[in-house]
Amino acid sequence: MKDFMEHEIIKQNVGIDIAKDNFKVCFSITTSNLSVKVLGSRTFSNHYKGFQEFVDWTNRKRKSSDTVYFTMEATGGYYENLRNPQF
């Protein structure tokens, strides 16, 4: 898929920084000329409703059906429910 000044998108990534009460995310794309563009960032609650909102937000931000990679900065065990949300 072409975007961001007509270069092919080669990677879609969501960076996640998770803590006890919430988690902050940043969605970015990398293009074939190795430019990175942030498509958005947001904070979600670290519970079931926040996980659902996160999935919906990610699906709206993604630029194609290609793989979206998730990179997490985990603090303690607070990432466990996001990693395996059971929904």
PDB file of N, CA and C in Angstrom:
ATOM      1  N   MET A   1       0.838  -1.177   0.000  1.00  0.00           N
ATOM      2  CA  MET A   1       0.000   0.000   0.000  1.00  0.00           C
ATOM      3  C   MET A   1       0.885   1.243   0.000  1.00  0.00           C
ATOM      4  N   LYS A   2       0.459   2.261  -0.722  1.00  0.00           N
ATOM      5  CA  LYS A   2       1.209   3.518  -0.789  1.00  0.00           C
ATOM      6  C   LYS A   2       0.534   4.561   0.079  1.00  0.00           C
ATOM      7  N   ASP A   3       1.340   5.331   0.726  1.00  0.00           N
ATOM      8  CA  ASP A   3       0.852   6.396   1.594  1.00  0.00           C
ATOM      9  C   ASP A   3       2.053   7.254   1.956  1.00  0.00           C
ATOM     10  N   PHE A   4       1.821   8.304   2.746  1.00  0.00           N
ATOM     11  CA  PHE A   4       2.891   9.146   3.279  1.00  0.00           C
ATOM     12  C   PHE A   4       3.882   9.514   2.182  1.00  0.00           C
ATOM     13  N   MET A   5       3.443  10.400   1.325  1.00  0.00           N
ATOM     14  CA  MET A   5       4.246  10.923   0.223  1.00  0.00           C
ATOM     15  C   MET A   5       4.546   9.848  -0.824  1.00  0.00           C
ATOM     16  N   GLU A   6       3.584   8.936  -1.035  1.00  0.00           N
ATOM     17  CA  GLU A   6       3.652   7.929  -2.091  1.00  0.00           C
ATOM     18  C   GLU A   6       4.767   6.905  -1.946  1.00  0.00           C
ATOM     19  N   HIS A   7       5.176   6.608  -0.741  1.00  0.00           N
ATOM     20  CA  HIS A   7       6.128   5.531  -0.491  1.00  0.00           C
ATOM     21  C   HIS A   7       5.364   4.360   0.106  1.00  0.00           C
ATOM     22  N   GLU A   8       5.810   3.164  -0.189  1.00  0.00           N
ATOM     23  CA  GLU A   8       5.153   1.964   0.308  1.00  0.00           C
ATOM     24  C   GLU A   8       5.334   1.834   1.826  1.00  0.00           C
ATOM     25  N   ILE A   9       4.262   1.458   2.495  1.00  0.00           N
ATOM     26  CA  ILE A   9       4.340   1.200   3.933  1.00  0.00           C
ATOM     27  C   ILE A   9       4.975  -0.172   4.122  1.00  0.00           C
ATOM     28  N   ILE A  10       6.067  -0.209   4.877  1.00  0.00           N
ATOM     29  CA  ILE A  10       6.746  -1.484   5.103  1.00  0.00           C
ATOM     30  C   ILE A  10       6.559  -2.005   6.529  1.00  0.00           C
ATOM     31  N   LYS A  11       6.073  -1.158   7.438  1.00  0.00           N
ATOM     32  CA  LYS A  11       5.850  -1.618   8.810  1.00  0.00           C
ATOM     33  C   LYS A  11       4.825  -0.727   9.495  1.00  0.00           C
ATOM     34  N   GLN A  12       3.960  -1.368  10.268  1.00  0.00           N
ATOM     35  CA  GLN A  12       3.014  -0.676  11.129  1.00  0.00           C
ATOM     36  C   GLN A  12       3.319  -1.140  12.550  1.00  0.00           C
ATOM     37  N   ASN A  13       3.502  -0.205  13.468  1.00  0.00           N
ATOM     38  CA  ASN A  13       3.895  -0.574  14.822  1.00  0.00           C
ATOM     39  C   ASN A  13       3.125   0.224  15.862  1.00  0.00           C
ATOM     40  N   VAL A  14       2.764  -0.455  16.943  1.00  0.00           N
ATOM     41  CA  VAL A  14       2.148   0.205  18.091  1.00  0.00           C
ATOM     42  C   VAL A  14       3.078   0.006  19.281  1.00  0.00           C
ATOM     43  N   GLY A  15       3.588   1.110  19.816  1.00  0.00           N
ATOM     44  CA  GLY A  15       4.392   1.070  21.036  1.00  0.00           C
ATOM     45  C   GLY A  15       3.471   1.237  22.225  1.00  0.00           C
ATOM     46  N   ILE A  16       3.675   0.419  23.251  1.00  0.00           N
ATOM     47  CA  ILE A  16       2.800   0.419  24.422  1.00  0.00           C
ATOM     48  C   ILE A  16       3.633   0.577  25.682  1.00  0.00           C
ATOM     49  N   ASP A  17       3.239   1.503  26.538  1.00  0.00           N
ATOM     50  CA  ASP A  17       3.859   1.676  27.854  1.00  0.00           C
ATOM     51  C   ASP A  17       2.754   1.453  28.876  1.00  0.00           C
ATOM     52  N   ILE A  18       2.840   0.344  29.610  1.00  0.00           N
ATOM     53  CA  ILE A  18       1.727  -0.052  30.476  1.00  0.00           C
ATOM     54  C   ILE A  18       2.082   0.094  31.945  1.00  0.00           C
ATOM     55  N   ALA A  19       1.105   0.534  32.714  1.00  0.00           N
ATOM     56  CA  ALA A  19       1.250   0.707  34.156  1.00  0.00           C
ATOM     57  C   ALA A  19      -0.004   0.146  34.845  1.00  0.00           C
ATOM     58  N   LYS A  20      -0.094   0.323  36.134  1.00  0.00           N
ATOM     59  CA  LYS A  20      -1.183  -0.267  36.911  1.00  0.00           C
ATOM     60  C   LYS A  20      -2.564   0.190  36.451  1.00  0.00           C
ATOM     61  N   ASP A  21      -2.763   1.484  36.283  1.00  0.00           N
ATOM     62  CA  ASP A  21      -4.097   2.017  36.001  1.00  0.00           C
ATOM     63  C   ASP A  21      -4.400   2.267  34.537  1.00  0.00           C
ATOM     64  N   ASN A  22      -3.360   2.479  33.721  1.00  0.00           N
ATOM     65  CA  ASN A  22      -3.600   2.777  32.310  1.00  0.00           C
ATOM     66  C   ASN A  22      -2.400   2.368  31.464  1.00  0.00           C
ATOM     67  N   PHE A  23      -2.573   2.502  30.159  1.00  0.00           N
ATOM     68  CA  PHE A  23      -1.451   2.278  29.253  1.00  0.00           C
ATOM     69  C   PHE A  23      -1.505   3.306  28.139  1.00  0.00           C
ATOM     70  N   LYS A  24      -0.337   3.767  27.758  1.00  0.00           N
ATOM     71  CA  LYS A  24      -0.189   4.776  26.711  1.00  0.00           C
ATOM     72  C   LYS A  24       0.314   4.079  25.456  1.00  0.00           C
ATOM     73  N   VAL A  25      -0.234   4.470  24.308  1.00  0.00           N
ATOM     74  CA  VAL A  25       0.149   3.844  23.048  1.00  0.00           C
ATOM     75  C   VAL A  25       0.477   4.896  21.997  1.00  0.00           C
ATOM     76  N   CYS A  26       1.278   4.491  21.034  1.00  0.00           N
ATOM     77  CA  CYS A  26       1.646   5.341  19.902  1.00  0.00           C
ATOM     78  C   CYS A  26       1.665   4.464  18.659  1.00  0.00           C
ATOM     79  N   PHE A  27       0.879   4.822  17.642  1.00  0.00           N
ATOM     80  CA  PHE A  27       0.800   4.060  16.399  1.00  0.00           C
ATOM     81  C   PHE A  27       1.629   4.777  15.344  1.00  0.00           C
ATOM     82  N   SER A  28       2.563   4.067  14.726  1.00  0.00           N
ATOM     83  CA  SER A  28       3.393   4.679  13.688  1.00  0.00           C
ATOM     84  C   SER A  28       3.532   3.744  12.495  1.00  0.00           C
ATOM     85  N   ILE A  29       3.883   4.337  11.371  1.00  0.00           N
ATOM     86  CA  ILE A  29       4.203   3.560  10.169  1.00  0.00           C
ATOM     87  C   ILE A  29       5.610   3.919   9.720  1.00  0.00           C
ATOM     88  N   THR A  30       6.261   2.960   9.089  1.00  0.00           N
ATOM     89  CA  THR A  30       7.560   3.172   8.456  1.00  0.00           C
ATOM     90  C   THR A  30       7.368   2.926   6.968  1.00  0.00           C
ATOM     91  N   THR A  31       7.903   3.817   6.142  1.00  0.00           N
ATOM     92  CA  THR A  31       7.747   3.694   4.698  1.00  0.00           C
ATOM     93  C   THR A  31       9.032   3.192   4.053  1.00  0.00           C
ATOM     94  N   SER A  32       8.937   2.868   2.775  1.00  0.00           N
ATOM     95  CA  SER A  32      10.063   2.289   2.046  1.00  0.00           C
ATOM     96  C   SER A  32      11.283   3.204   1.984  1.00  0.00           C
ATOM     97  N   ASN A  33      11.116   4.508   2.212  1.00  0.00           N
ATOM     98  CA  ASN A  33      12.283   5.388   2.268  1.00  0.00           C
ATOM     99  C   ASN A  33      12.762   5.566   3.716  1.00  0.00           C
ATOM    100  N   LEU A  34      12.249   4.684   4.608  1.00  0.00           N
ATOM    101  CA  LEU A  34      12.605   4.623   6.029  1.00  0.00           C
ATOM    102  C   LEU A  34      12.174   5.843   6.838  1.00  0.00           C
ATOM    103  N   SER A  35      11.186   6.564   6.336  1.00  0.00           N
ATOM    104  CA  SER A  35      10.577   7.645   7.106  1.00  0.00           C
ATOM    105  C   SER A  35       9.558   7.051   8.072  1.00  0.00           C
ATOM    106  N   VAL A  36       9.464   7.641   9.250  1.00  0.00           N
ATOM    107  CA  VAL A  36       8.500   7.196  10.253  1.00  0.00           C
ATOM    108  C   VAL A  36       7.493   8.308  10.465  1.00  0.00           C
ATOM    109  N   LYS A  37       6.219   7.931  10.449  1.00  0.00           N
ATOM    110  CA  LYS A  37       5.151   8.907  10.684  1.00  0.00           C
ATOM    111  C   LYS A  37       4.270   8.380  11.808  1.00  0.00           C
ATOM    112  N   VAL A  38       4.063   9.205  12.830  1.00  0.00           N
ATOM    113  CA  VAL A  38       3.173   8.849  13.928  1.00  0.00           C
ATOM    114  C   VAL A  38       1.750   9.175  13.490  1.00  0.00           C
ATOM    115  N   LEU A  39       0.879   8.167  13.555  1.00  0.00           N
ATOM    116  CA  LEU A  39      -0.509   8.355  13.155  1.00  0.00           C
ATOM    117  C   LEU A  39      -1.412   8.707  14.325  1.00  0.00           C
ATOM    118  N   GLY A  40      -0.910   8.516  15.543  1.00  0.00           N
ATOM    119  CA  GLY A  40      -1.700   8.889  16.704  1.00  0.00           C
ATOM    120  C   GLY A  40      -1.146   8.296  17.974  1.00  0.00           C
ATOM    121  N   SER A  41      -1.561   8.900  19.086  1.00  0.00           N
ATOM    122  CA  SER A  41      -1.208   8.370  20.403  1.00  0.00           C
ATOM    123  C   SER A  41      -2.403   8.588  21.315  1.00  0.00           C
ATOM    124  N   ARG A  42      -2.481   7.744  22.348  1.00  0.00           N
ATOM    125  CA  ARG A  42      -3.644   7.813  23.222  1.00  0.00           C
ATOM    126  C   ARG A  42      -3.369   7.049  24.513  1.00  0.00           C
ATOM    127  N   THR A  43      -4.144   7.337  25.544  1.00  0.00           N
ATOM    128  CA  THR A  43      -4.078   6.620  26.806  1.00  0.00           C
ATOM    129  C   THR A  43      -5.387   5.855  27.001  1.00  0.00           C
ATOM    130  N   PHE A  44      -5.266   4.594  27.430  1.00  0.00           N
ATOM    131  CA  PHE A  44      -6.419   3.733  27.681  1.00  0.00           C
ATOM    132  C   PHE A  44      -6.366   3.219  29.112  1.00  0.00           C
ATOM    133  N   SER A  45      -7.518   2.886  29.663  1.00  0.00           N
ATOM    134  CA  SER A  45      -7.589   2.293  30.997  1.00  0.00           C
ATOM    135  C   SER A  45      -7.070   0.861  30.946  1.00  0.00           C
ATOM    136  N   ASN A  46      -6.383   0.443  31.989  1.00  0.00           N
ATOM    137  CA  ASN A  46      -5.844  -0.907  32.056  1.00  0.00           C
ATOM    138  C   ASN A  46      -6.898  -1.856  32.651  1.00  0.00           C
ATOM    139  N   HIS A  47      -7.985  -2.017  31.888  1.00  0.00           N
ATOM    140  CA  HIS A  47      -9.025  -2.984  32.240  1.00  0.00           C
ATOM    141  C   HIS A  47      -9.771  -3.339  30.954  1.00  0.00           C
ATOM    142  N   TYR A  48     -10.721  -4.229  31.069  1.00  0.00           N
ATOM    143  CA  TYR A  48     -11.404  -4.795  29.908  1.00  0.00           C
ATOM    144  C   TYR A  48     -11.920  -3.744  28.924  1.00  0.00           C
ATOM    145  N   LYS A  49     -12.621  -2.725  29.412  1.00  0.00           N
ATOM    146  CA  LYS A  49     -13.163  -1.691  28.521  1.00  0.00           C
ATOM    147  C   LYS A  49     -12.040  -0.967  27.770  1.00  0.00           C
ATOM    148  N   GLY A  50     -10.956  -0.662  28.454  1.00  0.00           N
ATOM    149  CA  GLY A  50      -9.810  -0.026  27.812  1.00  0.00           C
ATOM    150  C   GLY A  50      -9.201  -0.907  26.730  1.00  0.00           C
ATOM    151  N   PHE A  51      -9.165  -2.235  26.976  1.00  0.00           N
ATOM    152  CA  PHE A  51      -8.621  -3.160  25.980  1.00  0.00           C
ATOM    153  C   PHE A  51      -9.482  -3.163  24.719  1.00  0.00           C
ATOM    154  N   GLN A  52     -10.796  -3.162  24.915  1.00  0.00           N
ATOM    155  CA  GLN A  52     -11.707  -3.127  23.764  1.00  0.00           C
ATOM    156  C   GLN A  52     -11.525  -1.835  22.969  1.00  0.00           C
ATOM    157  N   GLU A  53     -11.442  -0.699  23.673  1.00  0.00           N
ATOM    158  CA  GLU A  53     -11.243   0.585  23.003  1.00  0.00           C
ATOM    159  C   GLU A  53      -9.910   0.595  22.245  1.00  0.00           C
ATOM    160  N   PHE A  54      -8.882  -0.003  22.830  1.00  0.00           N
ATOM    161  CA  PHE A  54      -7.567  -0.079  22.200  1.00  0.00           C
ATOM    162  C   PHE A  54      -7.624  -0.863  20.884  1.00  0.00           C
ATOM    163  N   VAL A  55      -8.303  -1.997  20.886  1.00  0.00           N
ATOM    164  CA  VAL A  55      -8.432  -2.807  19.664  1.00  0.00           C
ATOM    165  C   VAL A  55      -9.161  -2.021  18.590  1.00  0.00           C
ATOM    166  N   ASP A  56     -10.266  -1.373  18.942  1.00  0.00           N
ATOM    167  CA  ASP A  56     -11.024  -0.572  17.972  1.00  0.00           C
ATOM    168  C   ASP A  56     -10.171   0.567  17.422  1.00  0.00           C
ATOM    169  N   TRP A  57      -9.466   1.277  18.279  1.00  0.00           N
ATOM    170  CA  TRP A  57      -8.602   2.398  17.878  1.00  0.00           C
ATOM    171  C   TRP A  57      -7.512   1.912  16.924  1.00  0.00           C
ATOM    172  N   THR A  58      -6.878   0.800  17.271  1.00  0.00           N
ATOM    173  CA  THR A  58      -5.818   0.245  16.417  1.00  0.00           C
ATOM    174  C   THR A  58      -6.359  -0.112  15.046  1.00  0.00           C
ATOM    175  N   ASN A  59      -7.516  -0.736  14.993  1.00  0.00           N
ATOM    176  CA  ASN A  59      -8.098  -1.116  13.698  1.00  0.00           C
ATOM    177  C   ASN A  59      -8.449   0.103  12.850  1.00  0.00           C
ATOM    178  N   ARG A  60      -8.826   1.202  13.474  1.00  0.00           N
ATOM    179  CA  ARG A  60      -9.112   2.427  12.715  1.00  0.00           C
ATOM    180  C   ARG A  60      -7.830   3.075  12.192  1.00  0.00           C
ATOM    181  N   LYS A  61      -6.733   2.956  12.931  1.00  0.00           N
ATOM    182  CA  LYS A  61      -5.462   3.582  12.539  1.00  0.00           C
ATOM    183  C   LYS A  61      -4.707   2.801  11.469  1.00  0.00           C
ATOM    184  N   ARG A  62      -4.834   1.502  11.444  1.00  0.00           N
ATOM    185  CA  ARG A  62      -4.041   0.682  10.521  1.00  0.00           C
ATOM    186  C   ARG A  62      -4.329   1.067   9.073  1.00  0.00           C
ATOM    187  N   LYS A  63      -3.295   1.017   8.254  1.00  0.00           N
ATOM    188  CA  LYS A  63      -3.401   1.475   6.875  1.00  0.00           C
ATOM    189  C   LYS A  63      -3.680   0.361   5.878  1.00  0.00           C
ATOM    190  N   SER A  64      -3.547  -0.877   6.283  1.00  0.00           N
ATOM    191  CA  SER A  64      -3.822  -1.993   5.390  1.00  0.00           C
ATOM    192  C   SER A  64      -4.039  -3.233   6.239  1.00  0.00           C
ATOM    193  N   SER A  65      -4.286  -4.335   5.583  1.00  0.00           N
ATOM    194  CA  SER A  65      -4.473  -5.580   6.322  1.00  0.00           C
ATOM    195  C   SER A  65      -3.133  -6.226   6.682  1.00  0.00           C
ATOM    196  N   ASP A  66      -2.022  -5.561   6.339  1.00  0.00           N
ATOM    197  CA  ASP A  66      -0.711  -6.087   6.708  1.00  0.00           C
ATOM    198  C   ASP A  66      -0.573  -6.164   8.225  1.00  0.00           C
ATOM    199  N   THR A  67       0.396  -6.924   8.662  1.00  0.00           N
ATOM    200  CA  THR A  67       0.663  -7.134  10.079  1.00  0.00           C
ATOM    201  C   THR A  67       0.919  -5.818  10.807  1.00  0.00           C
ATOM    202  N   VAL A  68       0.345  -5.708  11.997  1.00  0.00           N
ATOM    203  CA  VAL A  68       0.659  -4.606  12.904  1.00  0.00           C
ATOM    204  C   VAL A  68       1.482  -5.216  14.034  1.00  0.00           C
ATOM    205  N   TYR A  69       2.662  -4.662  14.276  1.00  0.00           N
ATOM    206  CA  TYR A  69       3.532  -5.142  15.343  1.00  0.00           C
ATOM    207  C   TYR A  69       3.255  -4.349  16.608  1.00  0.00           C
ATOM    208  N   PHE A  70       3.334  -5.034  17.745  1.00  0.00           N
ATOM    209  CA  PHE A  70       3.108  -4.412  19.044  1.00  0.00           C
ATOM    210  C   PHE A  70       4.375  -4.563  19.874  1.00  0.00           C
ATOM    211  N   THR A  71       4.879  -3.430  20.372  1.00  0.00           N
ATOM    212  CA  THR A  71       6.084  -3.400  21.193  1.00  0.00           C
ATOM    213  C   THR A  71       5.691  -2.849  22.551  1.00  0.00           C
ATOM    214  N   MET A  72       5.976  -3.612  23.622  1.00  0.00           N
ATOM    215  CA  MET A  72       5.491  -3.220  24.937  1.00  0.00           C
ATOM    216  C   MET A  72       6.616  -2.946  25.926  1.00  0.00           C
ATOM    217  N   GLU A  73       6.465  -1.837  26.646  1.00  0.00           N
ATOM    218  CA  GLU A  73       7.295  -1.527  27.812  1.00  0.00           C
ATOM    219  C   GLU A  73       6.445  -1.940  29.007  1.00  0.00           C
ATOM    220  N   ALA A  74       6.761  -3.067  29.592  1.00  0.00           N
ATOM    221  CA  ALA A  74       5.939  -3.606  30.677  1.00  0.00           C
ATOM    222  C   ALA A  74       6.526  -3.230  32.029  1.00  0.00           C
ATOM    223  N   THR A  75       5.666  -2.790  32.927  1.00  0.00           N
ATOM    224  CA  THR A  75       6.065  -2.465  34.293  1.00  0.00           C
ATOM    225  C   THR A  75       5.459  -3.531  35.204  1.00  0.00           C
ATOM    226  N   GLY A  76       6.303  -4.254  35.917  1.00  0.00           N
ATOM    227  CA  GLY A  76       5.791  -5.317  36.777  1.00  0.00           C
ATOM    228  C   GLY A  76       4.976  -6.305  35.980  1.00  0.00           C
ATOM    229  N   GLY A  77       3.885  -6.778  36.523  1.00  0.00           N
ATOM    230  CA  GLY A  77       3.017  -7.729  35.827  1.00  0.00           C
ATOM    231  C   GLY A  77       1.780  -7.084  35.243  1.00  0.00           C
ATOM    232  N   TYR A  78       1.784  -5.753  35.126  1.00  0.00           N
ATOM    233  CA  TYR A  78       0.587  -5.047  34.670  1.00  0.00           C
ATOM    234  C   TYR A  78       0.216  -5.344  33.218  1.00  0.00           C
ATOM    235  N   TYR A  79       1.109  -5.903  32.466  1.00  0.00           N
ATOM    236  CA  TYR A  79       0.854  -6.211  31.056  1.00  0.00           C
ATOM    237  C   TYR A  79       0.068  -7.503  30.875  1.00  0.00           C
ATOM    238  N   GLU A  80      -0.020  -8.334  31.890  1.00  0.00           N
ATOM    239  CA  GLU A  80      -0.598  -9.677  31.745  1.00  0.00           C
ATOM    240  C   GLU A  80      -2.009  -9.651  31.158  1.00  0.00           C
ATOM    241  N   ASN A  81      -2.880  -8.784  31.634  1.00  0.00           N
ATOM    242  CA  ASN A  81      -4.255  -8.764  31.120  1.00  0.00           C
ATOM    243  C   ASN A  81      -4.331  -8.259  29.686  1.00  0.00           C
ATOM    244  N   LEU A  82      -3.479  -7.334  29.304  1.00  0.00           N
ATOM    245  CA  LEU A  82      -3.466  -6.850  27.921  1.00  0.00           C
ATOM    246  C   LEU A  82      -2.929  -7.935  26.990  1.00  0.00           C
ATOM    247  N   ARG A  83      -1.946  -8.654  27.442  1.00  0.00           N
ATOM    248  CA  ARG A  83      -1.338  -9.715  26.633  1.00  0.00           C
ATOM    249  C   ARG A  83      -2.340 -10.832  26.384  1.00  0.00           C
ATOM    250  N   ASN A  84      -3.236 -11.069  27.305  1.00  0.00           N
ATOM    251  CA  ASN A  84      -4.186 -12.166  27.219  1.00  0.00           C
ATOM    252  C   ASN A  84      -5.555 -11.707  27.725  1.00  0.00           C
ATOM    253  N   PRO A  85      -6.230 -10.784  27.011  1.00  0.00           N
ATOM    254  CA  PRO A  85      -7.425 -10.129  27.555  1.00  0.00           C
ATOM    255  C   PRO A  85      -8.678 -10.982  27.626  1.00  0.00           C
ATOM    256  N   GLN A  86      -8.717 -12.140  26.995  1.00  0.00           N
ATOM    257  CA  GLN A  86      -9.882 -13.020  27.049  1.00  0.00           C
ATOM    258  C   GLN A  86     -11.160 -12.371  26.498  1.00  0.00           C
ATOM    259  N   PHE A  87     -11.033 -11.647  25.368  1.00  0.00           N
ATOM    260  CA  PHE A  87     -12.251 -11.129  24.732  1.00  0.00           C
ATOM    261  C   PHE A  87     -12.219 -11.380  23.288  1.00  0.00           C
TER     262      PHE A  87
END
